[in-house]
Every structure is written in structure tokens, then in C-alpha cells.
Amino acid sequence: MTRGFEMSRITLTSAARAALHPDEVVFFDWHVTGLCCADAGEFSVRPLRRSRLPRRARRLGGGPVYAHPVAWVHLVELPVTVDCRPLWRWRRFTTDLPPDAGLRCCLGRPVMGEHPGR
């Protein structure tokens, strides 16, 4: 499935790249929010040491970005920008995805489109 990797458009801002330690990657995790459907959920993004990556993590794009397999399916064709905003001593990684991006994908509604607010 190399075609999926070519379609990935994940961009790290300079602040996000600078905030990553040499042994870290950006990881898109998946959190189940529905009781009846395992694929109803939401994304979170965080730094993670390469040695702590789950075995099933899949690479997104050519940079240091990985995703949970369910998150990967939803993110592989989306243009996503990852930024890092320092919050005191902590690093807070954020994306330009809508807050309910994962749930909207699962319900068959586009994340990006003509009317993102609908």
C-alpha cells in the first residue's frame, strides 16, 4: 500500500520540528468514543519516543509522523498541519483538524470541504 503513503500530506511547522527531541516522533492516537462502533472516535496528537511506538503504528508521509491504524485510515488523504505551542514546561502539539474530525469521518461526513462548519 505505498500509494497511501504518497497521498499523505502531513506538515510539521518549524515550532513542531524544534519541539521534538531527536528520539521522538509525532503520534496520532485514536480514542474510541462510541459504544456500538469501534471506529467511532477521535484523534489526539502527542510526541512519543520511537522505542515506545505501538507495533501496529503506521507511518504518515515522509516525516517523523506515525498514526494508530484506525487514525491512519482517516488521515492518509487529508492535508494536516501539526504545530506545537509551549505551555509552561510542557509541549502541546495541535493540528488544524476540526475538533470532531474523527467522529465526522466515521459518520461519513467530510472533514474538509465546501462547508466545514456544517
Protein backbone atom coordinates (compact mmCIF):
# COMPACT_ATOMS: atom_id res chain seq x y z
CA MET A 1 0.00 0.00 0.00
CA THR A 2 2.67 2.51 -0.89
CA ARG A 3 0.06 4.56 -2.69
CA GLY A 4 -1.44 5.62 0.68
CA PHE A 5 1.92 6.91 1.84
CA GLU A 6 2.26 9.08 -1.27
CA MET A 7 -1.14 10.65 -0.65
CA SER A 8 -0.26 11.68 2.91
CA ARG A 9 0.11 15.42 3.34
CA ILE A 10 1.17 15.86 6.94
CA THR A 11 3.19 19.03 7.54
CA LEU A 12 5.11 19.88 10.70
CA THR A 13 5.63 23.57 11.43
CA SER A 14 9.10 24.74 12.39
CA ALA A 15 7.90 25.04 16.02
CA ALA A 16 6.73 21.40 15.99
CA ARG A 17 10.01 20.18 14.49
CA ALA A 18 12.03 22.17 17.02
CA ALA A 19 9.96 20.84 19.94
CA LEU A 20 10.61 17.20 19.06
CA HIS A 21 13.58 15.57 20.76
CA PRO A 22 15.95 13.59 18.49
CA ASP A 23 14.45 10.24 19.55
CA GLU A 24 10.79 11.36 19.24
CA VAL A 25 8.07 11.24 16.61
CA VAL A 26 4.61 12.78 16.38
CA PHE A 27 1.94 10.15 17.06
CA PHE A 28 -1.74 10.42 16.12
CA ASP A 29 -3.60 8.25 18.61
CA TRP A 30 -7.19 7.03 18.34
CA HIS A 31 -9.68 7.16 21.21
CA VAL A 32 -12.94 5.23 20.92
CA THR A 33 -15.96 7.40 21.70
CA GLY A 34 -18.78 5.10 20.60
CA LEU A 35 -20.01 2.04 22.43
CA CYS A 36 -21.53 0.35 19.40
CA CYS A 37 -18.83 1.03 16.79
CA ALA A 38 -15.12 0.51 17.30
CA ASP A 39 -14.32 3.04 14.59
CA ALA A 40 -16.31 5.91 16.18
CA GLY A 41 -13.68 8.00 17.89
CA GLU A 42 -11.40 10.99 17.94
CA PHE A 43 -7.75 11.80 17.28
CA SER A 44 -5.15 13.09 19.67
CA VAL A 45 -1.62 14.07 18.76
CA ARG A 46 1.42 13.81 21.03
CA PRO A 47 5.17 13.30 20.97
CA LEU A 48 6.31 9.76 21.57
CA ARG A 49 9.73 8.12 21.75
CA ARG A 50 10.40 5.85 18.78
CA SER A 51 11.06 2.98 21.18
CA ARG A 52 7.55 3.41 22.64
CA LEU A 53 5.67 3.32 19.33
CA PRO A 54 2.99 0.63 19.23
CA ARG A 55 3.83 -2.26 16.90
CA ARG A 56 0.81 -1.53 14.73
CA ALA A 57 1.65 2.19 14.28
CA ARG A 58 1.74 3.22 10.63
CA ARG A 59 3.88 5.94 9.13
CA LEU A 60 2.20 9.02 7.66
CA GLY A 61 4.14 10.81 4.96
CA GLY A 62 7.89 11.09 4.83
CA GLY A 63 8.48 12.86 8.14
CA PRO A 64 8.58 11.69 11.74
CA VAL A 65 4.80 11.18 11.92
CA TYR A 66 3.02 7.93 12.82
CA ALA A 67 -0.60 7.01 13.48
CA HIS A 68 -2.74 4.36 15.11
CA PRO A 69 -4.12 2.12 12.29
CA VAL A 70 -7.69 3.45 12.66
CA ALA A 71 -6.49 7.07 12.72
CA TRP A 72 -4.22 6.39 9.73
CA VAL A 73 -7.21 5.37 7.59
CA HIS A 74 -8.87 8.74 8.22
CA LEU A 75 -5.72 10.88 7.94
CA VAL A 76 -3.94 9.34 4.96
CA GLU A 77 -5.68 11.54 2.36
CA LEU A 78 -6.08 14.73 4.43
CA PRO A 79 -3.78 17.73 4.42
CA VAL A 80 -2.94 18.21 8.10
CA THR A 81 -0.59 20.72 9.73
CA VAL A 82 0.89 19.89 13.13
CA ASP A 83 2.05 22.73 15.37
CA CYS A 84 3.49 22.90 18.88
CA ARG A 85 2.60 25.52 21.43
CA PRO A 86 4.66 25.57 24.59
CA LEU A 87 2.59 25.72 27.75
CA TRP A 88 4.97 26.50 30.59
CA ARG A 89 7.32 23.50 30.70
CA TRP A 90 5.04 21.30 28.61
CA ARG A 91 4.76 20.91 24.88
CA ARG A 92 1.24 20.93 23.45
CA PHE A 93 1.01 19.55 19.93
CA THR A 94 -2.04 20.67 17.97
CA THR A 95 -3.44 20.17 14.47
CA ASP A 96 -5.58 22.22 12.12
CA LEU A 97 -8.23 19.46 12.07
CA PRO A 98 -11.72 20.37 13.30
CA PRO A 99 -12.28 19.30 16.93
CA ASP A 100 -14.64 16.49 15.89
CA ALA A 101 -12.71 15.32 12.83
CA GLY A 102 -12.61 11.61 13.70
CA LEU A 103 -16.27 11.34 14.55
CA ARG A 104 -17.27 13.23 11.39
CA CYS A 105 -15.18 10.82 9.26
CA CYS A 106 -16.82 7.81 10.90
CA LEU A 107 -20.28 9.18 10.19
CA GLY A 108 -19.46 9.64 6.50
CA ARG A 109 -19.22 13.41 6.63
CA PRO A 110 -16.20 15.06 5.04
CA VAL A 111 -13.67 16.72 7.32
CA MET A 112 -12.58 19.21 4.68
CA GLY A 113 -14.90 20.56 2.04
CA GLU A 114 -17.02 23.46 0.89
CA HIS A 115 -18.90 23.82 4.17
CA PRO A 116 -16.60 22.72 7.01
CA GLY A 117 -18.89 24.20 9.67
CA ARG A 118 -21.89 22.09 8.72
